[in-house]
C-alpha atoms as a PDB file:
ATOM      1  CA  MET A   1     110.950 167.589 232.612  1.00  0.00           C
ATOM      2  CA  LYS A   2     109.170 169.636 233.723  1.00  0.00           C
ATOM      3  CA  LYS A   3     107.639 173.707 231.286  1.00  0.00           C
ATOM      4  CA  LYS A   4     109.160 176.502 232.367  1.00  0.00           C
ATOM      5  CA  VAL A   5     107.187 180.205 232.785  1.00  0.00           C
ATOM      6  CA  SER A   6     108.489 182.872 232.450  1.00  0.00           C
ATOM      7  CA  VAL A   7     106.590 185.626 234.196  1.00  0.00           C
ATOM      8  CA  ILE A   8     108.494 188.531 233.210  1.00  0.00           C
ATOM      9  CA  GLY A   9     107.570 191.679 235.733  1.00  0.00           C
ATOM     10  CA  GLY A  10     108.359 191.350 239.397  1.00  0.00           C
ATOM     11  CA  GLY A  11     105.546 193.446 241.267  1.00  0.00           C
ATOM     12  CA  ASN A  12     102.523 192.172 242.620  1.00  0.00           C
ATOM     13  CA  VAL A  13     101.013 190.066 239.296  1.00  0.00           C
ATOM     14  CA  GLY A  14     104.000 188.774 238.418  1.00  0.00           C
ATOM     15  CA  ALA A  15     104.582 187.648 242.033  1.00  0.00           C
ATOM     16  CA  THR A  16     101.474 186.071 242.616  1.00  0.00           C
ATOM     17  CA  THR A  17     101.585 184.522 239.120  1.00  0.00           C
ATOM     18  CA  ALA A  18     104.527 183.242 239.757  1.00  0.00           C
ATOM     19  CA  GLN A  19     103.477 181.262 243.210  1.00  0.00           C
ATOM     20  CA  LEU A  20     100.431 180.068 242.107  1.00  0.00           C
ATOM     21  CA  ILE A  21     102.018 178.840 239.316  1.00  0.00           C
ATOM     22  CA  VAL A  22     105.175 176.879 241.347  1.00  0.00           C
ATOM     23  CA  GLN A  23     102.589 175.845 244.604  1.00  0.00           C
ATOM     24  CA  SER A  24     100.804 174.041 241.684  1.00  0.00           C
ATOM     25  CA  GLY A  25     104.369 171.855 240.866  1.00  0.00           C
ATOM     26  CA  ILE A  26     103.493 172.045 237.549  1.00  0.00           C
ATOM     27  CA  ALA A  27     106.344 174.008 235.515  1.00  0.00           C
ATOM     28  CA  ASP A  28     109.600 175.502 236.910  1.00  0.00           C
ATOM     29  CA  VAL A  29     109.341 180.233 236.801  1.00  0.00           C
ATOM     30  CA  ILE A  30     111.811 182.331 235.987  1.00  0.00           C
ATOM     31  CA  LEU A  31     110.543 185.575 237.442  1.00  0.00           C
ATOM     32  CA  PHE A  32     112.272 188.583 235.556  1.00  0.00           C
ATOM     33  CA  ASP A  33     112.137 192.348 236.811  1.00  0.00           C
ATOM     34  CA  ILE A  34     115.050 195.083 235.709  1.00  0.00           C
ATOM     35  CA  VAL A  35     114.677 196.264 239.135  1.00  0.00           C
ATOM     36  CA  SER A  36     118.100 194.487 241.070  1.00  0.00           C
ATOM     37  CA  GLY A  37     117.325 191.925 243.998  1.00  0.00           C
ATOM     38  CA  LEU A  38     113.768 192.469 243.341  1.00  0.00           C
ATOM     39  CA  PRO A  39     112.947 189.747 241.852  1.00  0.00           C
ATOM     40  CA  GLN A  40     115.730 187.906 243.456  1.00  0.00           C
ATOM     41  CA  GLY A  41     114.468 188.231 246.507  1.00  0.00           C
ATOM     42  CA  LYS A  42     110.677 187.382 246.056  1.00  0.00           C
ATOM     43  CA  ALA A  43     111.355 183.619 244.520  1.00  0.00           C
ATOM     44  CA  LEU A  44     114.579 182.784 247.497  1.00  0.00           C
ATOM     45  CA  ASP A  45     110.811 183.732 249.546  1.00  0.00           C
ATOM     46  CA  LEU A  46     109.142 181.670 246.816  1.00  0.00           C
ATOM     47  CA  ALA A  47     111.068 178.697 246.741  1.00  0.00           C
ATOM     48  CA  GLU A  48     111.777 178.777 250.923  1.00  0.00           C
ATOM     49  CA  ALA A  49     108.008 178.177 251.303  1.00  0.00           C
ATOM     50  CA  CYS A  50     107.603 175.466 248.293  1.00  0.00           C
ATOM     51  CA  PRO A  51     108.775 172.475 250.988  1.00  0.00           C
ATOM     52  CA  LEU A  52     105.725 173.397 252.850  1.00  0.00           C
ATOM     53  CA  TRP A  53     103.758 173.079 249.710  1.00  0.00           C
ATOM     54  CA  ASN A  54     104.766 169.844 248.211  1.00  0.00           C
ATOM     55  CA  SER A  55     106.258 171.294 245.750  1.00  0.00           C
ATOM     56  CA  SER A  56     109.291 170.183 243.313  1.00  0.00           C
ATOM     57  CA  SER A  57     108.973 173.453 240.919  1.00  0.00           C
ATOM     58  CA  THR A  58     112.005 175.567 241.036  1.00  0.00           C
ATOM     59  CA  ILE A  59     112.512 179.543 241.061  1.00  0.00           C
ATOM     60  CA  LYS A  60     114.725 181.745 239.663  1.00  0.00           C
ATOM     61  CA  GLY A  61     114.648 185.627 240.020  1.00  0.00           C
ATOM     62  CA  THR A  62     116.712 187.340 237.703  1.00  0.00           C
ATOM     63  CA  ASN A  63     117.044 190.612 235.744  1.00  0.00           C
ATOM     64  CA  ASP A  64     118.814 189.146 233.445  1.00  0.00           C
ATOM     65  CA  TYR A  65     116.941 187.848 229.848  1.00  0.00           C
ATOM     66  CA  SER A  66     119.421 185.044 229.065  1.00  0.00           C
ATOM     67  CA  ASP A  67     118.089 183.419 232.064  1.00  0.00           C
ATOM     68  CA  THR A  68     114.310 182.570 229.669  1.00  0.00           C
ATOM     69  CA  SER A  69     116.068 181.661 227.463  1.00  0.00           C
ATOM     70  CA  GLY A  70     113.630 178.673 226.013  1.00  0.00           C
ATOM     71  CA  SER A  71     111.035 179.167 227.685  1.00  0.00           C
ATOM     72  CA  ASP A  72     107.484 177.621 226.812  1.00  0.00           C
ATOM     73  CA  ILE A  73     105.323 180.259 228.689  1.00  0.00           C
ATOM     74  CA  VAL A  74     105.603 183.490 228.988  1.00  0.00           C
ATOM     75  CA  VAL A  75     103.465 185.690 230.745  1.00  0.00           C
ATOM     76  CA  ILE A  76     104.023 189.675 230.773  1.00  0.00           C
ATOM     77  CA  THR A  77     102.782 191.384 233.882  1.00  0.00           C
ATOM     78  CA  ALA A  78     105.292 194.279 233.419  1.00  0.00           C
ATOM     79  CA  GLY A  79     104.701 197.476 233.199  1.00  0.00           C
ATOM     80  CA  LEU A  80     102.372 200.344 235.026  1.00  0.00           C
ATOM     81  CA  ALA A  81      99.453 200.387 237.333  1.00  0.00           C
ATOM     82  CA  ARG A  82      96.482 202.021 237.750  1.00  0.00           C
ATOM     83  CA  LYS A  83      96.066 204.360 240.702  1.00  0.00           C
ATOM     84  CA  PRO A  84      92.311 205.613 241.296  1.00  0.00           C
ATOM     85  CA  GLY A  85      91.212 208.345 238.835  1.00  0.00           C
ATOM     86  CA  MET A  86      92.921 206.424 236.178  1.00  0.00           C
ATOM     87  CA  SER A  87      91.665 204.378 232.647  1.00  0.00           C
ATOM     88  CA  ARG A  88      92.850 201.198 231.895  1.00  0.00           C
ATOM     89  CA  ASN A  89      93.321 202.984 228.486  1.00  0.00           C
ATOM     90  CA  ASP A  90      94.789 205.947 230.619  1.00  0.00           C
ATOM     91  CA  LEU A  91      98.770 203.525 230.577  1.00  0.00           C
ATOM     92  CA  LEU A  92      98.810 203.434 226.717  1.00  0.00           C
ATOM     93  CA  HIS A  93     101.818 205.074 225.664  1.00  0.00           C
ATOM     94  CA  SER A  94     103.648 204.262 228.694  1.00  0.00           C
ATOM     95  CA  ASN A  95     103.129 199.980 228.915  1.00  0.00           C
ATOM     96  CA  ALA A  96     103.094 199.945 224.643  1.00  0.00           C
ATOM     97  CA  ASN A  97     106.801 200.954 224.909  1.00  0.00           C
ATOM     98  CA  ILE A  98     107.444 198.824 227.672  1.00  0.00           C
ATOM     99  CA  VAL A  99     105.825 196.213 226.646  1.00  0.00           C
ATOM    100  CA  LYS A 100     107.784 196.498 222.999  1.00  0.00           C
ATOM    101  CA  GLY A 101     111.341 195.856 224.789  1.00  0.00           C
ATOM    102  CA  VAL A 102     110.305 192.789 226.666  1.00  0.00           C
ATOM    103  CA  CYS A 103     108.408 191.195 223.138  1.00  0.00           C
ATOM    104  CA  VAL A 104     111.818 191.724 221.525  1.00  0.00           C
ATOM    105  CA  GLU A 105     113.797 190.189 224.081  1.00  0.00           C
ATOM    106  CA  ILE A 106     111.013 187.478 224.168  1.00  0.00           C
ATOM    107  CA  ALA A 107     111.110 186.148 220.449  1.00  0.00           C
ATOM    108  CA  ARG A 108     115.257 186.893 220.774  1.00  0.00           C
ATOM    109  CA  THR A 109     115.609 183.806 223.720  1.00  0.00           C
ATOM    110  CA  SER A 110     112.530 181.422 223.441  1.00  0.00           C
ATOM    111  CA  PRO A 111     111.295 181.902 219.630  1.00  0.00           C
ATOM    112  CA  ASN A 112     108.833 179.048 220.677  1.00  0.00           C
ATOM    113  CA  ALA A 113     106.690 180.426 223.146  1.00  0.00           C
ATOM    114  CA  ILE A 114     103.102 180.286 224.112  1.00  0.00           C
ATOM    115  CA  ILE A 115     102.382 184.383 224.833  1.00  0.00           C
ATOM    116  CA  ILE A 116      99.993 185.519 228.047  1.00  0.00           C
ATOM    117  CA  VAL A 117      99.622 189.779 227.926  1.00  0.00           C
ATOM    118  CA  VAL A 118      98.128 191.153 231.170  1.00  0.00           C
ATOM    119  CA  THR A 119     100.090 194.312 231.125  1.00  0.00           C
ATOM    120  CA  ASN A 120      97.680 197.280 229.979  1.00  0.00           C
ATOM    121  CA  PRO A 121      95.401 197.980 228.598  1.00  0.00           C
ATOM    122  CA  MET A 122      95.455 193.482 227.638  1.00  0.00           C
ATOM    123  CA  ASP A 123      93.731 194.448 223.967  1.00  0.00           C
ATOM    124  CA  VAL A 124      96.392 196.377 222.860  1.00  0.00           C
ATOM    125  CA  MET A 125      98.813 195.315 224.759  1.00  0.00           C
ATOM    126  CA  ALA A 126      98.327 191.738 223.454  1.00  0.00           C
ATOM    127  CA  GLN A 127      98.210 192.893 219.880  1.00  0.00           C
ATOM    128  CA  LEU A 128     101.408 195.084 219.584  1.00  0.00           C
ATOM    129  CA  ALA A 129     103.381 191.922 221.411  1.00  0.00           C
ATOM    130  CA  TRP A 130     101.810 189.467 218.137  1.00  0.00           C
ATOM    131  CA  LYS A 131     102.710 192.809 215.902  1.00  0.00           C
ATOM    132  CA  THR A 132     106.465 192.435 218.166  1.00  0.00           C
ATOM    133  CA  THR A 133     106.972 189.535 217.803  1.00  0.00           C
ATOM    134  CA  GLU A 134     106.157 188.285 214.900  1.00  0.00           C
ATOM    135  CA  PHE A 135     104.706 185.131 216.308  1.00  0.00           C
ATOM    136  CA  SER A 136     101.585 182.898 214.840  1.00  0.00           C
ATOM    137  CA  CYS A 137      98.803 184.467 216.654  1.00  0.00           C
ATOM    138  CA  LYS A 138      97.964 181.445 217.815  1.00  0.00           C
ATOM    139  CA  ARG A 139     100.917 181.507 220.539  1.00  0.00           C
ATOM    140  CA  VAL A 140     100.057 185.030 221.702  1.00  0.00           C
ATOM    141  CA  MET A 141      96.634 185.925 223.785  1.00  0.00           C
ATOM    142  CA  GLY A 142      95.283 187.857 225.877  1.00  0.00           C
ATOM    143  CA  MET A 143      93.980 187.883 229.957  1.00  0.00           C
ATOM    144  CA  GLY A 144      90.835 189.987 230.656  1.00  0.00           C
ATOM    145  CA  GLY A 145      87.959 187.461 229.978  1.00  0.00           C
ATOM    146  CA  VAL A 146      88.886 185.122 232.107  1.00  0.00           C
ATOM    147  CA  LEU A 147      89.202 188.006 234.782  1.00  0.00           C
ATOM    148  CA  ASP A 148      85.964 189.468 233.901  1.00  0.00           C
ATOM    149  CA  SER A 149      83.807 186.399 233.671  1.00  0.00           C
ATOM    150  CA  SER A 150      85.955 185.900 237.158  1.00  0.00           C
ATOM    151  CA  ARG A 151      84.544 189.170 238.549  1.00  0.00           C
ATOM    152  CA  PHE A 152      81.052 188.455 236.783  1.00  0.00           C
ATOM    153  CA  ARG A 153      80.910 185.205 238.348  1.00  0.00           C
ATOM    154  CA  ALA A 154      81.922 186.734 241.987  1.00  0.00           C
ATOM    155  CA  PHE A 155      79.176 189.113 241.929  1.00  0.00           C
ATOM    156  CA  ILE A 156      76.046 187.171 240.944  1.00  0.00           C
ATOM    157  CA  SER A 157      77.644 184.445 244.208  1.00  0.00           C
ATOM    158  CA  MET A 158      77.770 187.528 246.517  1.00  0.00           C
ATOM    159  CA  GLU A 159      74.371 188.274 245.321  1.00  0.00           C
ATOM    160  CA  LEU A 160      72.789 185.047 245.374  1.00  0.00           C
ATOM    161  CA  ASN A 161      74.647 183.940 248.693  1.00  0.00           C
ATOM    162  CA  ILE A 162      75.511 180.648 246.478  1.00  0.00           C
ATOM    163  CA  SER A 163      78.717 179.288 245.601  1.00  0.00           C
ATOM    164  CA  PRO A 164      80.321 180.295 243.057  1.00  0.00           C
ATOM    165  CA  GLU A 165      81.781 177.512 241.685  1.00  0.00           C
ATOM    166  CA  ASP A 166      77.977 176.501 240.123  1.00  0.00           C
ATOM    167  CA  ILE A 167      77.947 179.451 238.133  1.00  0.00           C
ATOM    168  CA  GLU A 168      79.077 179.773 234.646  1.00  0.00           C
ATOM    169  CA  THR A 169      79.040 182.787 232.168  1.00  0.00           C
ATOM    170  CA  VAL A 170      80.554 184.207 229.160  1.00  0.00           C
ATOM    171  CA  VAL A 171      82.126 187.525 228.673  1.00  0.00           C
ATOM    172  CA  LEU A 172      83.255 189.315 225.448  1.00  0.00           C
ATOM    173  CA  GLY A 173      84.979 192.047 224.401  1.00  0.00           C
ATOM    174  CA  GLY A 174      87.783 194.935 225.362  1.00  0.00           C
ATOM    175  CA  HIS A 175      88.604 194.365 228.641  1.00  0.00           C
ATOM    176  CA  GLY A 176      87.259 197.535 229.755  1.00  0.00           C
ATOM    177  CA  ASP A 177      84.753 199.723 230.806  1.00  0.00           C
ATOM    178  CA  ASP A 178      82.668 198.505 227.614  1.00  0.00           C
ATOM    179  CA  MET A 179      83.240 194.546 227.966  1.00  0.00           C
ATOM    180  CA  VAL A 180      79.887 192.836 227.086  1.00  0.00           C
ATOM    181  CA  ALA A 181      78.431 190.469 229.652  1.00  0.00           C
ATOM    182  CA  LEU A 182      76.573 187.977 228.472  1.00  0.00           C
ATOM    183  CA  PRO A 183      72.907 187.138 230.350  1.00  0.00           C
ATOM    184  CA  ARG A 184      71.991 185.038 228.695  1.00  0.00           C
ATOM    185  CA  PHE A 185      74.732 182.923 228.094  1.00  0.00           C
ATOM    186  CA  THR A 186      74.431 182.877 231.920  1.00  0.00           C
ATOM    187  CA  VAL A 187      74.070 179.295 233.920  1.00  0.00           C
ATOM    188  CA  VAL A 188      73.617 178.990 237.153  1.00  0.00           C
ATOM    189  CA  LYS A 189      74.003 174.990 237.597  1.00  0.00           C
ATOM    190  CA  GLY A 190      72.256 174.673 234.692  1.00  0.00           C
ATOM    191  CA  ILE A 191      69.534 177.107 235.504  1.00  0.00           C
ATOM    192  CA  PRO A 192      69.848 180.317 232.953  1.00  0.00           C
ATOM    193  CA  LEU A 193      70.260 183.697 235.487  1.00  0.00           C
ATOM    194  CA  THR A 194      67.154 185.554 233.972  1.00  0.00           C
ATOM    195  CA  GLU A 195      65.459 182.926 235.749  1.00  0.00           C
ATOM    196  CA  LEU A 196      67.038 184.013 239.109  1.00  0.00           C
ATOM    197  CA  MET A 197      67.586 187.683 239.019  1.00  0.00           C
ATOM    198  CA  ASN A 198      65.161 190.172 236.790  1.00  0.00           C
ATOM    199  CA  LYS A 199      67.917 192.421 234.111  1.00  0.00           C
ATOM    200  CA  LYS A 200      67.537 195.359 236.130  1.00  0.00           C
ATOM    201  CA  LYS A 201      69.753 193.664 239.104  1.00  0.00           C
ATOM    202  CA  ILE A 202      72.196 191.413 236.378  1.00  0.00           C
ATOM    203  CA  GLN A 203      72.581 195.268 235.023  1.00  0.00           C
ATOM    204  CA  SER A 204      74.052 196.404 238.034  1.00  0.00           C
ATOM    205  CA  LEU A 205      76.331 193.244 238.114  1.00  0.00           C
ATOM    206  CA  ILE A 206      77.347 193.524 234.898  1.00  0.00           C
ATOM    207  CA  GLU A 207      78.357 197.779 235.563  1.00  0.00           C
ATOM    208  CA  ARG A 208      79.982 196.234 238.231  1.00  0.00           C
ATOM    209  CA  THR A 209      82.252 194.188 236.576  1.00  0.00           C
ATOM    210  CA  ARG A 210      83.010 196.862 234.256  1.00  0.00           C
ATOM    211  CA  ASN A 211      84.073 199.062 237.150  1.00  0.00           C
ATOM    212  CA  GLY A 212      85.617 195.588 238.662  1.00  0.00           C
ATOM    213  CA  GLY A 213      89.485 196.626 239.121  1.00  0.00           C
ATOM    214  CA  ALA A 214      88.607 200.452 239.349  1.00  0.00           C
ATOM    215  CA  GLU A 215      86.662 199.784 242.717  1.00  0.00           C
ATOM    216  CA  VAL A 216      89.507 197.700 243.712  1.00  0.00           C
ATOM    217  CA  VAL A 217      91.749 200.723 243.329  1.00  0.00           C
ATOM    218  CA  SER A 218      89.698 203.043 244.681  1.00  0.00           C
ATOM    219  CA  LEU A 219      89.883 200.956 247.436  1.00  0.00           C
ATOM    220  CA  LEU A 220      93.298 200.250 247.828  1.00  0.00           C
ATOM    221  CA  LYS A 221      94.213 203.618 247.112  1.00  0.00           C
ATOM    222  CA  SER A 222      97.720 202.560 246.494  1.00  0.00           C
ATOM    223  CA  GLY A 223      97.983 200.232 243.210  1.00  0.00           C
ATOM    224  CA  SER A 224      95.679 197.904 241.763  1.00  0.00           C
ATOM    225  CA  ALA A 225      93.934 194.613 241.448  1.00  0.00           C
ATOM    226  CA  TYR A 226      96.671 191.494 241.869  1.00  0.00           C
ATOM    227  CA  TYR A 227      95.080 188.399 244.033  1.00  0.00           C
ATOM    228  CA  ALA A 228      92.849 187.047 240.604  1.00  0.00           C
ATOM    229  CA  PRO A 229      94.723 189.126 237.520  1.00  0.00           C
ATOM    230  CA  ALA A 230      97.139 186.176 239.098  1.00  0.00           C
ATOM    231  CA  ALA A 231      95.003 183.908 239.088  1.00  0.00           C
ATOM    232  CA  SER A 232      93.354 184.511 236.061  1.00  0.00           C
ATOM    233  CA  ALA A 233      96.519 183.484 234.652  1.00  0.00           C
ATOM    234  CA  PHE A 234      97.502 180.918 235.844  1.00  0.00           C
ATOM    235  CA  HIS A 235      94.058 178.715 234.968  1.00  0.00           C
ATOM    236  CA  MET A 236      95.425 179.857 231.249  1.00  0.00           C
ATOM    237  CA  VAL A 237      99.113 178.831 231.633  1.00  0.00           C
ATOM    238  CA  LYS A 238      97.533 175.382 233.573  1.00  0.00           C
ATOM    239  CA  SER A 239      94.583 174.812 230.443  1.00  0.00           C
ATOM    240  CA  ILE A 240      97.909 174.296 228.084  1.00  0.00           C
ATOM    241  CA  ILE A 241     100.890 172.654 230.406  1.00  0.00           C
ATOM    242  CA  LEU A 242      98.172 170.499 231.075  1.00  0.00           C
ATOM    243  CA  ASN A 243      97.098 170.418 227.616  1.00  0.00           C
ATOM    244  CA  GLU A 244      93.420 170.428 229.638  1.00  0.00           C
ATOM    245  CA  LYS A 245      91.158 171.953 226.530  1.00  0.00           C
ATOM    246  CA  ARG A 246      89.415 174.302 228.769  1.00  0.00           C
ATOM    247  CA  ILE A 247      87.297 176.771 227.058  1.00  0.00           C
ATOM    248  CA  LEU A 248      88.163 180.396 227.956  1.00  0.00           C
ATOM    249  CA  PRO A 249      87.107 183.727 226.982  1.00  0.00           C
ATOM    250  CA  CYS A 250      90.443 185.232 226.321  1.00  0.00           C
ATOM    251  CA  ALA A 251      91.649 187.988 223.959  1.00  0.00           C
ATOM    252  CA  VAL A 252      93.288 186.228 220.703  1.00  0.00           C
ATOM    253  CA  TYR A 253      93.299 186.970 217.177  1.00  0.00           C
ATOM    254  CA  LEU A 254      90.833 187.715 215.036  1.00  0.00           C
ATOM    255  CA  ASN A 255      90.092 187.018 211.317  1.00  0.00           C
ATOM    256  CA  GLY A 256      86.590 186.675 210.129  1.00  0.00           C
ATOM    257  CA  GLU A 257      85.452 185.773 213.682  1.00  0.00           C
ATOM    258  CA  PHE A 258      82.176 187.549 215.077  1.00  0.00           C
ATOM    259  CA  GLY A 259      82.494 189.223 212.626  1.00  0.00           C
ATOM    260  CA  VAL A 260      85.346 191.278 213.057  1.00  0.00           C
ATOM    261  CA  LYS A 261      88.665 191.236 211.427  1.00  0.00           C
ATOM    262  CA  ASP A 262      92.850 192.137 212.348  1.00  0.00           C
ATOM    263  CA  ILE A 263      91.957 192.723 216.208  1.00  0.00           C
ATOM    264  CA  TYR A 264      92.417 190.824 219.309  1.00  0.00           C
ATOM    265  CA  MET A 265      89.115 190.700 221.095  1.00  0.00           C
ATOM    266  CA  GLY A 266      88.644 189.083 224.145  1.00  0.00           C
ATOM    267  CA  VAL A 267      86.292 185.538 223.110  1.00  0.00           C
ATOM    268  CA  PRO A 268      86.041 181.667 224.070  1.00  0.00           C
ATOM    269  CA  VAL A 269      88.661 179.085 223.004  1.00  0.00           C
ATOM    270  CA  ILE A 270      89.993 176.350 223.764  1.00  0.00           C
ATOM    271  CA  LEU A 271      93.205 176.298 225.664  1.00  0.00           C
ATOM    272  CA  GLY A 272      95.674 173.864 224.430  1.00  0.00           C
ATOM    273  CA  ASN A 273      99.690 172.879 224.852  1.00  0.00           C
ATOM    274  CA  GLU A 274      99.522 173.874 220.924  1.00  0.00           C
ATOM    275  CA  GLY A 275      97.655 177.726 222.658  1.00  0.00           C
ATOM    276  CA  VAL A 276      94.439 178.794 221.005  1.00  0.00           C
ATOM    277  CA  GLU A 277      93.526 175.489 219.300  1.00  0.00           C
ATOM    278  CA  ARG A 278      90.072 177.193 218.289  1.00  0.00           C
ATOM    279  CA  VAL A 279      87.597 180.049 218.788  1.00  0.00           C
ATOM    280  CA  ILE A 280      84.148 179.078 219.661  1.00  0.00           C
ATOM    281  CA  ASP A 281      82.054 181.609 217.377  1.00  0.00           C
ATOM    282  CA  VAL A 282      78.577 181.628 218.915  1.00  0.00           C
ATOM    283  CA  LYS A 283      75.881 184.053 216.816  1.00  0.00           C
ATOM    284  CA  LEU A 284      75.134 187.194 219.180  1.00  0.00           C
ATOM    285  CA  THR A 285      71.524 189.052 219.463  1.00  0.00           C
ATOM    286  CA  LYS A 286      71.594 192.352 217.827  1.00  0.00           C
ATOM    287  CA  GLU A 287      71.556 194.246 221.453  1.00  0.00           C
ATOM    288  CA  GLU A 288      74.471 191.971 221.849  1.00  0.00           C
ATOM    289  CA  ARG A 289      76.788 192.392 218.433  1.00  0.00           C
ATOM    290  CA  THR A 290      76.006 196.289 218.642  1.00  0.00           C
ATOM    291  CA  GLN A 291      77.522 195.992 222.095  1.00  0.00           C
ATOM    292  CA  PHE A 292      80.236 193.952 220.602  1.00  0.00           C
ATOM    293  CA  ARG A 293      81.122 196.118 218.350  1.00  0.00           C
ATOM    294  CA  ALA A 294      81.031 199.255 220.033  1.00  0.00           C
ATOM    295  CA  SER A 295      83.908 197.529 221.974  1.00  0.00           C
ATOM    296  CA  CYS A 296      85.694 196.775 219.286  1.00  0.00           C
ATOM    297  CA  ALA A 297      85.798 200.203 218.660  1.00  0.00           C
ATOM    298  CA  SER A 298      86.970 201.411 221.194  1.00  0.00           C
ATOM    299  CA  VAL A 299      90.200 199.145 220.831  1.00  0.00           C
ATOM    300  CA  ARG A 300      90.242 200.138 217.341  1.00  0.00           C
ATOM    301  CA  LYS A 301      90.495 203.563 218.648  1.00  0.00           C
ATOM    302  CA  LEU A 302      93.811 202.939 220.602  1.00  0.00           C
ATOM    303  CA  ILE A 303      95.834 200.269 218.046  1.00  0.00           C
ATOM    304  CA  LYS A 304      95.195 203.647 215.818  1.00  0.00           C
ATOM    305  CA  LYS A 305      97.113 206.085 218.616  1.00  0.00           C
ATOM    306  CA  LEU A 306      99.618 203.342 218.557  1.00  0.00           C
ATOM    307  CA  SER A 307     100.693 202.407 215.308  1.00  0.00           C
ATOM    308  CA  ILE A 308     100.264 198.948 215.384  1.00  0.00           C
END
């Protein structure tokens, strides 16, 4: 019997996440949205594509949380998207109300599910989801680090004119303007990035990564990024369902790792079928530690605003 993944939010990110899952054939999908007809229409369209993908996965669109009952994984994409000039943090209160409502329903209908939070501001929403559901912190995580790392890899590949497949990197901290990219842990087919690019160029790519979402928003004029966020969420879903034990940077609960406590932050973790199996705690330089703590401070401010 295939695993069941519920995607909460039938907008661009949610629908694209659902597409990637059913196209891969690794799970059956429930696509939920509060707008009548929206998830049903998108799910039907995706179901009609499955024969062309040689996929036996099923997909159902719904406005009823009971259809999500017994989900193995729940991906939360529901919420408002950024508009030009907005930061992820501008969405705080409106999206907190949405995510809290979703989590109450998830805890009721799928008490054993693993939760992946995509909704922004993602680190805070992941912490809110954990508090609201009262699930083990191993089963609640946020998506941002995978996306930030992918963006950094993409920009490096563009600059060096090489395949992004040959690039490995780590991006820590909050999924925001003060995320912490680590050039010394960035390699191109085993060659340190610092051997291929000067410090000034590396820093410019880090800045572009920090503003990667805003760059897309400004170009689109209406709406925000969804292909790369959906691909990032799918990457996590796949590692969990197939028990791949991939090392991926995700927002997870830290209890002393990296020198911080009681906060969701992006760090490298091993993802398997139990969820977060282990945090990979690495020693940071003084400069990296300062940046990481600044990123933590930004997230803590938002957590305090929500009183969670």
